[in-house]
Amino acid sequence: MQNVRESQGILGAKWKTVSPEEKQLYEDKYKVENGTYLQIISKEKQEAMKLLEEEKKQKTTIGLLDQYLQFKKKPT
C-alpha cells in the first residue's frame, strides 16, 4: 500500500510540472477514451437489463404454469 502512495505522490508531483499544452493532450485523450468506455458500459448495461427482464418473464411463466398445474390436480 505504501508503494502505491509513493507512486501517486511522485506522479502527482510530475503532473504539476507538465505544461498546460501537454496536459491538454492527455485530457483530450481521456475524453475520447472515457466516451468510448461509457458507450461500452451503456451497451453492456442494456444487455444485462434485457437478460434480467427475460429471467423475470421466465420465472413468472414458470410460476403461472405451476399454479395452473396445481389447480388442475385439485379434485372438483
C-alpha atoms as a PDB file:
ATOM      1  CA  MET A   1       0.000   0.000   0.000  1.00  0.00           C
ATOM      2  CA  GLN A   2       2.843   2.355   0.749  1.00  0.00           C
ATOM      3  CA  ASN A   3       4.353   1.790  -2.708  1.00  0.00           C
ATOM      4  CA  VAL A   4       1.084   2.885  -4.280  1.00  0.00           C
ATOM      5  CA  ARG A   5       1.031   6.042  -2.188  1.00  0.00           C
ATOM      6  CA  GLU A   6       4.640   6.780  -3.044  1.00  0.00           C
ATOM      7  CA  SER A   7       3.911   6.286  -6.738  1.00  0.00           C
ATOM      8  CA  GLN A   8       0.874   8.545  -6.527  1.00  0.00           C
ATOM      9  CA  GLY A   9       2.961  11.218  -4.824  1.00  0.00           C
ATOM     10  CA  ILE A  10       5.678  11.024  -7.469  1.00  0.00           C
ATOM     11  CA  LEU A  11       3.173  11.094 -10.326  1.00  0.00           C
ATOM     12  CA  GLY A  12       1.265  13.971  -8.736  1.00  0.00           C
ATOM     13  CA  ALA A  13       4.460  15.986  -8.385  1.00  0.00           C
ATOM     14  CA  LYS A  14       5.400  15.303 -12.016  1.00  0.00           C
ATOM     15  CA  TRP A  15       1.898  16.226 -13.213  1.00  0.00           C
ATOM     16  CA  LYS A  16       2.255  19.624 -11.566  1.00  0.00           C
ATOM     17  CA  THR A  17       5.338  20.314 -13.694  1.00  0.00           C
ATOM     18  CA  VAL A  18       3.702  19.377 -17.017  1.00  0.00           C
ATOM     19  CA  SER A  19       2.860  22.306 -19.303  1.00  0.00           C
ATOM     20  CA  PRO A  20      -0.798  23.169 -19.917  1.00  0.00           C
ATOM     21  CA  GLU A  21      -0.397  22.231 -23.591  1.00  0.00           C
ATOM     22  CA  GLU A  22       0.933  18.792 -22.711  1.00  0.00           C
ATOM     23  CA  LYS A  23      -1.776  18.319 -20.086  1.00  0.00           C
ATOM     24  CA  GLN A  24      -4.367  19.153 -22.731  1.00  0.00           C
ATOM     25  CA  LEU A  25      -3.130  16.241 -24.878  1.00  0.00           C
ATOM     26  CA  TYR A  26      -3.718  13.829 -22.002  1.00  0.00           C
ATOM     27  CA  GLU A  27      -7.067  15.376 -21.135  1.00  0.00           C
ATOM     28  CA  ASP A  28      -8.232  15.152 -24.766  1.00  0.00           C
ATOM     29  CA  LYS A  29      -7.187  11.507 -24.933  1.00  0.00           C
ATOM     30  CA  TYR A  30      -9.021  10.871 -21.651  1.00  0.00           C
ATOM     31  CA  LYS A  31     -12.220  12.427 -23.005  1.00  0.00           C
ATOM     32  CA  VAL A  32     -12.149  10.234 -26.111  1.00  0.00           C
ATOM     33  CA  GLU A  33     -11.353   7.036 -24.219  1.00  0.00           C
ATOM     34  CA  ASN A  34     -13.847   7.812 -21.466  1.00  0.00           C
ATOM     35  CA  GLY A  35     -16.564   8.404 -24.068  1.00  0.00           C
ATOM     36  CA  THR A  36     -15.804   5.035 -25.647  1.00  0.00           C
ATOM     37  CA  TYR A  37     -15.813   3.381 -22.224  1.00  0.00           C
ATOM     38  CA  LEU A  38     -19.180   4.906 -21.339  1.00  0.00           C
ATOM     39  CA  GLN A  39     -20.676   3.704 -24.634  1.00  0.00           C
ATOM     40  CA  ILE A  40     -19.450   0.168 -23.981  1.00  0.00           C
ATOM     41  CA  ILE A  41     -20.725   0.190 -20.404  1.00  0.00           C
ATOM     42  CA  SER A  42     -24.081   1.558 -21.552  1.00  0.00           C
ATOM     43  CA  LYS A  43     -24.477  -1.250 -24.092  1.00  0.00           C
ATOM     44  CA  GLU A  44     -23.457  -3.865 -21.535  1.00  0.00           C
ATOM     45  CA  LYS A  45     -25.911  -2.436 -19.017  1.00  0.00           C
ATOM     46  CA  GLN A  46     -28.709  -2.524 -21.590  1.00  0.00           C
ATOM     47  CA  GLU A  47     -27.891  -6.150 -22.409  1.00  0.00           C
ATOM     48  CA  ALA A  48     -27.828  -7.039 -18.717  1.00  0.00           C
ATOM     49  CA  MET A  49     -31.209  -5.361 -18.198  1.00  0.00           C
ATOM     50  CA  LYS A  50     -32.669  -7.313 -21.136  1.00  0.00           C
ATOM     51  CA  LEU A  51     -31.367 -10.566 -19.662  1.00  0.00           C
ATOM     52  CA  LEU A  52     -32.804  -9.668 -16.270  1.00  0.00           C
ATOM     53  CA  GLU A  53     -36.177  -8.892 -17.833  1.00  0.00           C
ATOM     54  CA  GLU A  54     -36.137 -12.212 -19.713  1.00  0.00           C
ATOM     55  CA  GLU A  55     -35.303 -14.039 -16.493  1.00  0.00           C
ATOM     56  CA  LYS A  56     -38.215 -12.326 -14.722  1.00  0.00           C
ATOM     57  CA  LYS A  57     -40.570 -13.308 -17.544  1.00  0.00           C
ATOM     58  CA  GLN A  58     -39.391 -16.921 -17.374  1.00  0.00           C
ATOM     59  CA  LYS A  59     -39.898 -17.045 -13.602  1.00  0.00           C
ATOM     60  CA  THR A  60     -43.369 -15.547 -13.970  1.00  0.00           C
ATOM     61  CA  THR A  61     -44.245 -18.060 -16.674  1.00  0.00           C
ATOM     62  CA  ILE A  62     -42.990 -20.971 -14.574  1.00  0.00           C
ATOM     63  CA  GLY A  63     -44.921 -19.676 -11.568  1.00  0.00           C
ATOM     64  CA  LEU A  64     -48.132 -19.379 -13.559  1.00  0.00           C
ATOM     65  CA  LEU A  65     -47.632 -22.830 -15.041  1.00  0.00           C
ATOM     66  CA  ASP A  66     -47.102 -24.293 -11.561  1.00  0.00           C
ATOM     67  CA  GLN A  67     -50.276 -22.591 -10.331  1.00  0.00           C
ATOM     68  CA  TYR A  68     -52.215 -23.953 -13.285  1.00  0.00           C
ATOM     69  CA  LEU A  69     -50.913 -27.483 -12.721  1.00  0.00           C
ATOM     70  CA  GLN A  70     -51.814 -27.294  -9.024  1.00  0.00           C
ATOM     71  CA  PHE A  71     -55.288 -26.091  -9.952  1.00  0.00           C
ATOM     72  CA  LYS A  72     -55.737 -28.986 -12.406  1.00  0.00           C
ATOM     73  CA  LYS A  73     -54.704 -31.520  -9.729  1.00  0.00           C
ATOM     74  CA  LYS A  74     -57.427 -30.402  -7.297  1.00  0.00           C
ATOM     75  CA  PRO A  75     -60.466 -32.650  -7.279  1.00  0.00           C
ATOM     76  CA  THR A  76     -63.640 -30.919  -8.332  1.00  0.00           C
END
